[in-house]
Amino acid sequence: MTFNVVEIQKILPHRYPFLLLDRVTGLERGKFIEGYKNVSISEPVFQGHFPDHPIYPGVMIIEGMAQAGGVLAFQSYSEDEQKDIENKVVYFMSIDKAKFRLPVTPGDRLVYKLSVIKHRGSIWQLDGKAFVDDKLVAEAQLKAMIVDK
């Protein structure tokens, strides 16, 4: 299952400059998602982080993982449940075991790979990893809840 950025915007409420997932390249409902973000020097965050040495912030990497996790969670529900997606939103509950291994810079393709650790009701616990050129750049365990807007 794949989604382009227009299809992602039908699932998530995020928009520029805070939509941090360009494409979903693989998804198995209730199991895993893979997607990516192309990191460009035109990102607004690089105006201040850092002008002479641009590094994509770790918090943005984690947020991108979370957005991919949100797509996975929403797409894991049945077709009947998905009809109500526009009235739902994903809230972060926790970020655990976050580690940043290598810097991410303009020109990188940031690949997100998340798998479900546990899913119970509206709560999702995910193992997230981010890669650039098959090198692990960041990882974290994320917990989120789908709630009514």
N, C-alpha and C. Protein backbone atom coordinates (compact mmCIF):
# COMPACT_ATOMS: atom_id res chain seq x y z
N MET A 1 0.85 -1.17 0.00
CA MET A 1 0.00 0.00 0.00
C MET A 1 0.90 1.24 0.00
N THR A 2 0.69 2.15 -0.93
CA THR A 2 1.49 3.37 -1.03
C THR A 2 0.57 4.59 -1.05
N PHE A 3 1.12 5.74 -0.62
CA PHE A 3 0.37 6.99 -0.62
C PHE A 3 1.30 8.12 -1.03
N ASN A 4 0.83 8.99 -1.91
CA ASN A 4 1.60 10.19 -2.23
C ASN A 4 1.19 11.29 -1.26
N VAL A 5 1.80 12.46 -1.39
CA VAL A 5 1.57 13.53 -0.42
C VAL A 5 0.12 14.03 -0.42
N VAL A 6 -0.55 14.00 -1.56
CA VAL A 6 -1.95 14.43 -1.61
C VAL A 6 -2.82 13.44 -0.83
N GLU A 7 -2.54 12.16 -0.98
CA GLU A 7 -3.30 11.14 -0.24
C GLU A 7 -2.99 11.20 1.26
N ILE A 8 -1.74 11.49 1.60
CA ILE A 8 -1.36 11.64 3.01
C ILE A 8 -2.14 12.79 3.64
N GLN A 9 -2.33 13.89 2.91
CA GLN A 9 -3.06 15.04 3.44
C GLN A 9 -4.55 14.73 3.65
N LYS A 10 -5.06 13.70 3.01
CA LYS A 10 -6.44 13.27 3.25
C LYS A 10 -6.55 12.48 4.55
N ILE A 11 -5.40 11.96 5.03
CA ILE A 11 -5.37 11.15 6.25
C ILE A 11 -4.98 12.00 7.46
N LEU A 12 -3.93 12.83 7.30
CA LEU A 12 -3.40 13.64 8.40
C LEU A 12 -3.87 15.09 8.29
N PRO A 13 -4.02 15.78 9.42
CA PRO A 13 -4.40 17.20 9.37
C PRO A 13 -3.22 18.13 9.10
N HIS A 14 -1.99 17.64 9.16
CA HIS A 14 -0.80 18.47 9.02
C HIS A 14 -0.68 19.05 7.61
N ARG A 15 -0.15 20.27 7.55
CA ARG A 15 0.09 20.96 6.28
C ARG A 15 1.43 21.66 6.35
N TYR A 16 1.92 22.13 5.18
CA TYR A 16 3.16 22.88 5.12
C TYR A 16 3.09 24.04 6.10
N PRO A 17 4.12 24.30 6.85
CA PRO A 17 5.45 23.70 6.82
C PRO A 17 5.62 22.54 7.80
N PHE A 18 4.52 21.97 8.29
CA PHE A 18 4.65 20.95 9.33
C PHE A 18 4.24 19.56 8.88
N LEU A 19 3.96 19.37 7.61
CA LEU A 19 3.75 18.02 7.09
C LEU A 19 5.13 17.46 6.77
N LEU A 20 5.55 16.44 7.50
CA LEU A 20 6.92 15.96 7.43
C LEU A 20 7.03 14.55 6.85
N LEU A 21 6.08 14.19 6.01
CA LEU A 21 6.07 12.89 5.34
C LEU A 21 5.66 13.12 3.89
N ASP A 22 6.58 12.85 2.96
CA ASP A 22 6.33 13.10 1.54
C ASP A 22 5.64 11.93 0.85
N ARG A 23 5.94 10.71 1.27
CA ARG A 23 5.39 9.55 0.58
C ARG A 23 5.43 8.34 1.52
N VAL A 24 4.41 7.51 1.41
CA VAL A 24 4.41 6.21 2.07
C VAL A 24 4.71 5.18 1.00
N THR A 25 5.75 4.38 1.23
CA THR A 25 6.19 3.41 0.22
C THR A 25 5.77 1.98 0.56
N GLY A 26 5.34 1.76 1.78
CA GLY A 26 4.87 0.43 2.17
C GLY A 26 4.08 0.50 3.45
N LEU A 27 3.03 -0.30 3.53
CA LEU A 27 2.20 -0.31 4.73
C LEU A 27 1.49 -1.66 4.80
N GLU A 28 1.58 -2.29 5.96
CA GLU A 28 0.77 -3.46 6.24
C GLU A 28 -0.06 -3.12 7.46
N ARG A 29 -1.37 -3.10 7.29
CA ARG A 29 -2.28 -2.67 8.36
C ARG A 29 -2.01 -3.42 9.66
N GLY A 30 -1.89 -2.62 10.73
CA GLY A 30 -1.67 -3.18 12.05
C GLY A 30 -0.27 -3.72 12.29
N LYS A 31 0.64 -3.57 11.31
CA LYS A 31 1.98 -4.16 11.44
C LYS A 31 3.10 -3.14 11.29
N PHE A 32 3.20 -2.51 10.12
CA PHE A 32 4.33 -1.61 9.87
C PHE A 32 4.00 -0.58 8.79
N ILE A 33 4.86 0.44 8.74
CA ILE A 33 4.79 1.45 7.68
C ILE A 33 6.21 1.86 7.33
N GLU A 34 6.41 2.18 6.07
CA GLU A 34 7.66 2.75 5.61
C GLU A 34 7.33 3.94 4.72
N GLY A 35 8.04 5.03 4.91
CA GLY A 35 7.83 6.22 4.11
C GLY A 35 9.06 7.10 4.17
N TYR A 36 8.98 8.25 3.49
CA TYR A 36 10.15 9.12 3.50
C TYR A 36 9.79 10.59 3.41
N LYS A 37 10.79 11.38 3.79
CA LYS A 37 10.76 12.83 3.63
C LYS A 37 12.05 13.24 2.95
N ASN A 38 11.93 14.00 1.89
CA ASN A 38 13.10 14.59 1.24
C ASN A 38 13.45 15.87 1.98
N VAL A 39 14.63 15.93 2.56
CA VAL A 39 15.05 17.09 3.34
C VAL A 39 15.71 18.08 2.38
N SER A 40 15.14 19.29 2.30
CA SER A 40 15.61 20.32 1.37
C SER A 40 16.13 21.53 2.12
N ILE A 41 17.09 22.21 1.55
CA ILE A 41 17.62 23.44 2.15
C ILE A 41 16.54 24.51 2.25
N SER A 42 15.46 24.37 1.50
CA SER A 42 14.38 25.36 1.56
C SER A 42 13.46 25.18 2.76
N GLU A 43 13.72 24.17 3.61
CA GLU A 43 12.92 23.98 4.82
C GLU A 43 13.06 25.23 5.71
N PRO A 44 11.96 25.77 6.21
CA PRO A 44 12.04 26.96 7.06
C PRO A 44 12.93 26.78 8.29
N VAL A 45 13.02 25.58 8.81
CA VAL A 45 13.80 25.33 10.02
C VAL A 45 15.28 25.65 9.84
N PHE A 46 15.77 25.57 8.61
CA PHE A 46 17.20 25.82 8.37
C PHE A 46 17.58 27.30 8.47
N GLN A 47 16.61 28.19 8.51
CA GLN A 47 16.92 29.61 8.71
C GLN A 47 17.56 29.83 10.08
N GLY A 48 17.23 28.96 11.03
CA GLY A 48 17.78 29.15 12.37
C GLY A 48 18.53 27.94 12.91
N HIS A 49 18.57 26.84 12.18
CA HIS A 49 19.18 25.59 12.71
C HIS A 49 20.05 24.91 11.68
N PHE A 50 21.14 25.26 11.41
CA PHE A 50 21.89 26.46 11.77
C PHE A 50 22.28 27.11 10.45
N PRO A 51 22.22 28.42 10.32
CA PRO A 51 22.41 29.07 9.01
C PRO A 51 23.71 28.69 8.30
N ASP A 52 24.81 28.57 9.04
CA ASP A 52 26.09 28.25 8.40
C ASP A 52 26.44 26.77 8.45
N HIS A 53 25.61 25.98 9.11
CA HIS A 53 25.86 24.55 9.25
C HIS A 53 24.50 23.85 9.41
N PRO A 54 23.71 23.73 8.32
CA PRO A 54 22.34 23.24 8.43
C PRO A 54 22.25 21.77 8.87
N ILE A 55 21.56 21.57 10.00
CA ILE A 55 21.30 20.24 10.55
C ILE A 55 19.79 20.14 10.78
N TYR A 56 19.18 19.07 10.26
CA TYR A 56 17.74 18.87 10.47
C TYR A 56 17.52 18.46 11.92
N PRO A 57 16.68 19.19 12.66
CA PRO A 57 16.54 18.95 14.10
C PRO A 57 15.96 17.56 14.43
N GLY A 58 16.50 16.97 15.49
CA GLY A 58 16.01 15.67 15.94
C GLY A 58 14.53 15.67 16.25
N VAL A 59 14.04 16.77 16.80
CA VAL A 59 12.61 16.84 17.12
C VAL A 59 11.75 16.74 15.86
N MET A 60 12.27 17.24 14.74
CA MET A 60 11.53 17.13 13.48
C MET A 60 11.56 15.69 12.95
N ILE A 61 12.68 15.00 13.18
CA ILE A 61 12.77 13.60 12.78
C ILE A 61 11.73 12.78 13.57
N ILE A 62 11.66 13.01 14.87
CA ILE A 62 10.69 12.29 15.71
C ILE A 62 9.26 12.62 15.27
N GLU A 63 8.99 13.89 14.99
CA GLU A 63 7.65 14.28 14.53
C GLU A 63 7.32 13.59 13.20
N GLY A 64 8.27 13.50 12.30
CA GLY A 64 8.04 12.80 11.03
C GLY A 64 7.71 11.34 11.26
N MET A 65 8.43 10.71 12.19
CA MET A 65 8.11 9.32 12.56
C MET A 65 6.68 9.24 13.08
N ALA A 66 6.32 10.17 13.94
CA ALA A 66 4.98 10.16 14.53
C ALA A 66 3.91 10.34 13.46
N GLN A 67 4.16 11.19 12.48
CA GLN A 67 3.19 11.37 11.40
C GLN A 67 3.03 10.09 10.60
N ALA A 68 4.14 9.41 10.33
CA ALA A 68 4.05 8.12 9.64
C ALA A 68 3.25 7.13 10.50
N GLY A 69 3.49 7.15 11.80
CA GLY A 69 2.73 6.29 12.71
C GLY A 69 1.25 6.61 12.70
N GLY A 70 0.92 7.90 12.57
CA GLY A 70 -0.48 8.30 12.47
C GLY A 70 -1.15 7.73 11.23
N VAL A 71 -0.45 7.76 10.11
CA VAL A 71 -0.98 7.17 8.87
C VAL A 71 -1.21 5.68 9.09
N LEU A 72 -0.24 5.00 9.70
CA LEU A 72 -0.38 3.56 9.97
C LEU A 72 -1.61 3.29 10.83
N ALA A 73 -1.75 4.04 11.91
CA ALA A 73 -2.88 3.83 12.82
C ALA A 73 -4.21 4.04 12.10
N PHE A 74 -4.35 5.18 11.41
CA PHE A 74 -5.61 5.46 10.72
C PHE A 74 -5.91 4.42 9.65
N GLN A 75 -4.90 3.99 8.92
CA GLN A 75 -5.11 3.03 7.84
C GLN A 75 -5.32 1.61 8.35
N SER A 76 -5.06 1.38 9.63
CA SER A 76 -5.25 0.05 10.20
C SER A 76 -6.68 -0.22 10.63
N TYR A 77 -7.49 0.81 10.68
CA TYR A 77 -8.88 0.62 11.06
C TYR A 77 -9.71 0.12 9.88
N SER A 78 -10.85 -0.46 10.18
CA SER A 78 -11.73 -1.00 9.14
C SER A 78 -12.28 0.13 8.27
N GLU A 79 -12.84 -0.23 7.13
CA GLU A 79 -13.41 0.79 6.22
C GLU A 79 -14.50 1.58 6.90
N ASP A 80 -15.35 0.93 7.71
CA ASP A 80 -16.41 1.64 8.42
C ASP A 80 -15.83 2.66 9.40
N GLU A 81 -14.78 2.26 10.13
CA GLU A 81 -14.14 3.16 11.09
C GLU A 81 -13.43 4.31 10.38
N GLN A 82 -12.89 4.06 9.18
CA GLN A 82 -12.15 5.08 8.44
C GLN A 82 -13.06 6.20 7.94
N LYS A 83 -14.36 5.95 7.83
CA LYS A 83 -15.29 7.00 7.38
C LYS A 83 -15.31 8.17 8.36
N ASP A 84 -14.92 7.91 9.59
CA ASP A 84 -14.95 8.94 10.64
C ASP A 84 -13.58 9.58 10.89
N ILE A 85 -12.60 9.29 10.03
CA ILE A 85 -11.22 9.77 10.24
C ILE A 85 -11.15 11.29 10.33
N GLU A 86 -11.94 12.00 9.52
CA GLU A 86 -11.84 13.46 9.53
C GLU A 86 -12.25 14.06 10.87
N ASN A 87 -12.90 13.27 11.72
CA ASN A 87 -13.29 13.75 13.05
C ASN A 87 -12.33 13.27 14.14
N LYS A 88 -11.21 12.68 13.73
CA LYS A 88 -10.24 12.14 14.68
C LYS A 88 -8.89 12.83 14.50
N VAL A 89 -8.08 12.75 15.56
CA VAL A 89 -6.71 13.28 15.52
C VAL A 89 -5.84 12.37 16.39
N VAL A 90 -4.55 12.32 16.08
CA VAL A 90 -3.61 11.52 16.86
C VAL A 90 -2.88 12.43 17.84
N TYR A 91 -2.88 12.07 19.10
CA TYR A 91 -2.14 12.80 20.13
C TYR A 91 -0.95 11.96 20.59
N PHE A 92 0.20 12.60 20.67
CA PHE A 92 1.39 11.99 21.24
C PHE A 92 1.16 11.74 22.73
N MET A 93 1.54 10.61 23.23
CA MET A 93 1.46 10.33 24.66
C MET A 93 2.86 10.27 25.28
N SER A 94 3.80 9.64 24.55
CA SER A 94 5.16 9.56 25.08
C SER A 94 6.16 9.26 23.98
N ILE A 95 7.39 9.64 24.25
CA ILE A 95 8.54 9.33 23.41
C ILE A 95 9.57 8.71 24.35
N ASP A 96 9.95 7.47 24.06
CA ASP A 96 10.91 6.78 24.91
C ASP A 96 12.09 6.29 24.08
N LYS A 97 13.22 6.14 24.76
CA LYS A 97 14.43 5.56 24.16
C LYS A 97 14.85 6.27 22.87
N ALA A 98 14.66 7.58 22.82
CA ALA A 98 15.07 8.34 21.63
C ALA A 98 16.59 8.45 21.58
N LYS A 99 17.12 8.17 20.40
CA LYS A 99 18.56 8.28 20.18
C LYS A 99 18.80 8.87 18.80
N PHE A 100 19.76 9.77 18.74
CA PHE A 100 20.13 10.39 17.47
C PHE A 100 21.56 9.98 17.17
N ARG A 101 21.74 9.28 16.08
CA ARG A 101 23.02 8.62 15.79
C ARG A 101 23.91 9.40 14.82
N LEU A 102 23.28 9.99 13.80
CA LEU A 102 24.03 10.74 12.79
C LEU A 102 23.24 11.97 12.39
N PRO A 103 23.93 13.05 11.99
CA PRO A 103 23.20 14.25 11.56
C PRO A 103 22.50 14.03 10.21
N VAL A 104 21.37 14.71 10.06
CA VAL A 104 20.62 14.73 8.80
C VAL A 104 20.78 16.12 8.22
N THR A 105 21.14 16.20 6.94
CA THR A 105 21.44 17.49 6.32
C THR A 105 20.65 17.65 5.02
N PRO A 106 20.56 18.88 4.50
CA PRO A 106 19.84 19.11 3.25
C PRO A 106 20.36 18.19 2.14
N GLY A 107 19.41 17.65 1.38
CA GLY A 107 19.74 16.73 0.30
C GLY A 107 19.53 15.27 0.69
N ASP A 108 19.37 15.02 1.99
CA ASP A 108 19.14 13.65 2.46
C ASP A 108 17.70 13.21 2.23
N ARG A 109 17.53 11.93 1.96
CA ARG A 109 16.20 11.31 1.98
C ARG A 109 16.10 10.58 3.30
N LEU A 110 15.19 11.05 4.14
CA LEU A 110 14.99 10.52 5.48
C LEU A 110 13.91 9.44 5.40
N VAL A 111 14.31 8.18 5.56
CA VAL A 111 13.38 7.06 5.45
C VAL A 111 12.93 6.65 6.84
N TYR A 112 11.61 6.63 7.04
CA TYR A 112 11.01 6.23 8.31
C TYR A 112 10.51 4.80 8.20
N LYS A 113 10.85 3.98 9.22
CA LYS A 113 10.35 2.61 9.30
C LYS A 113 9.80 2.41 10.70
N LEU A 114 8.51 2.16 10.78
CA LEU A 114 7.87 1.97 12.08
C LEU A 114 7.14 0.65 12.10
N SER A 115 7.23 -0.02 13.25
CA SER A 115 6.48 -1.26 13.43
C SER A 115 5.69 -1.18 14.73
N VAL A 116 4.59 -1.89 14.76
CA VAL A 116 3.71 -1.87 15.93
C VAL A 116 4.29 -2.77 17.02
N ILE A 117 4.48 -2.19 18.18
CA ILE A 117 4.87 -2.96 19.36
C ILE A 117 3.60 -3.51 20.01
N LYS A 118 2.62 -2.59 20.19
CA LYS A 118 1.37 -2.96 20.83
C LYS A 118 0.26 -2.03 20.33
N HIS A 119 -0.92 -2.58 20.16
CA HIS A 119 -2.10 -1.78 19.82
C HIS A 119 -3.25 -2.31 20.64
N ARG A 120 -3.85 -1.38 21.38
CA ARG A 120 -5.01 -1.75 22.19
C ARG A 120 -6.00 -0.61 22.14
N GLY A 121 -7.16 -0.85 21.55
CA GLY A 121 -8.17 0.18 21.42
C GLY A 121 -7.65 1.35 20.61
N SER A 122 -7.67 2.53 21.18
CA SER A 122 -7.22 3.72 20.47
C SER A 122 -5.75 4.05 20.73
N ILE A 123 -5.06 3.21 21.50
CA ILE A 123 -3.66 3.47 21.86
C ILE A 123 -2.72 2.60 21.03
N TRP A 124 -1.70 3.26 20.50
CA TRP A 124 -0.70 2.61 19.66
C TRP A 124 0.68 2.83 20.26
N GLN A 125 1.46 1.77 20.34
CA GLN A 125 2.86 1.88 20.74
C GLN A 125 3.69 1.38 19.55
N LEU A 126 4.64 2.22 19.11
CA LEU A 126 5.39 1.95 17.88
C LEU A 126 6.89 2.01 18.11
N ASP A 127 7.60 1.18 17.38
CA ASP A 127 9.05 1.25 17.35
C ASP A 127 9.42 1.96 16.05
N GLY A 128 10.09 3.11 16.17
CA GLY A 128 10.42 3.91 15.00
C GLY A 128 11.91 4.00 14.76
N LYS A 129 12.27 3.92 13.50
CA LYS A 129 13.66 4.09 13.10
C LYS A 129 13.70 5.00 11.89
N ALA A 130 14.75 5.82 11.80
CA ALA A 130 14.94 6.71 10.65
C ALA A 130 16.31 6.42 10.05
N PHE A 131 16.34 6.37 8.72
CA PHE A 131 17.56 6.02 8.00
C PHE A 131 17.86 7.06 6.92
N VAL A 132 19.13 7.24 6.64
CA VAL A 132 19.60 7.97 5.46
C VAL A 132 20.62 7.06 4.80
N ASP A 133 20.40 6.76 3.53
CA ASP A 133 21.30 5.85 2.80
C ASP A 133 21.55 4.56 3.57
N ASP A 134 20.47 3.97 4.10
CA ASP A 134 20.53 2.71 4.85
C ASP A 134 21.32 2.78 6.15
N LYS A 135 21.67 3.99 6.59
CA LYS A 135 22.36 4.16 7.88
C LYS A 135 21.34 4.67 8.89
N LEU A 136 21.30 4.03 10.06
CA LEU A 136 20.40 4.45 11.12
C LEU A 136 20.81 5.82 11.64
N VAL A 137 19.91 6.80 11.55
CA VAL A 137 20.22 8.14 12.03
C VAL A 137 19.47 8.48 13.32
N ALA A 138 18.33 7.82 13.56
CA ALA A 138 17.56 8.10 14.77
C ALA A 138 16.62 6.93 15.04
N GLU A 139 16.25 6.81 16.32
CA GLU A 139 15.29 5.77 16.70
C GLU A 139 14.56 6.22 17.96
N ALA A 140 13.36 5.69 18.15
CA ALA A 140 12.57 6.00 19.34
C ALA A 140 11.38 5.07 19.41
N GLN A 141 10.84 4.93 20.62
CA GLN A 141 9.57 4.26 20.80
C GLN A 141 8.53 5.34 21.06
N LEU A 142 7.46 5.28 20.32
CA LEU A 142 6.42 6.30 20.37
C LEU A 142 5.11 5.69 20.85
N LYS A 143 4.39 6.46 21.63
CA LYS A 143 3.05 6.03 22.06
C LYS A 143 2.09 7.16 21.72
N ALA A 144 0.96 6.80 21.13
CA ALA A 144 -0.01 7.80 20.71
C ALA A 144 -1.43 7.27 20.91
N MET A 145 -2.36 8.20 20.92
CA MET A 145 -3.77 7.86 21.08
C MET A 145 -4.59 8.58 20.03
N ILE A 146 -5.53 7.87 19.44
CA ILE A 146 -6.45 8.50 18.48
C ILE A 146 -7.68 8.94 19.26
N VAL A 147 -8.00 10.23 19.15
CA VAL A 147 -9.12 10.81 19.89
C VAL A 147 -10.01 11.62 18.96
N ASP A 148 -11.20 11.93 19.44
CA ASP A 148 -12.10 12.82 18.70
C ASP A 148 -11.54 14.24 18.73
N LYS A 149 -11.74 14.98 17.64
CA LYS A 149 -11.28 16.37 17.59
C LYS A 149 -12.07 17.21 18.56
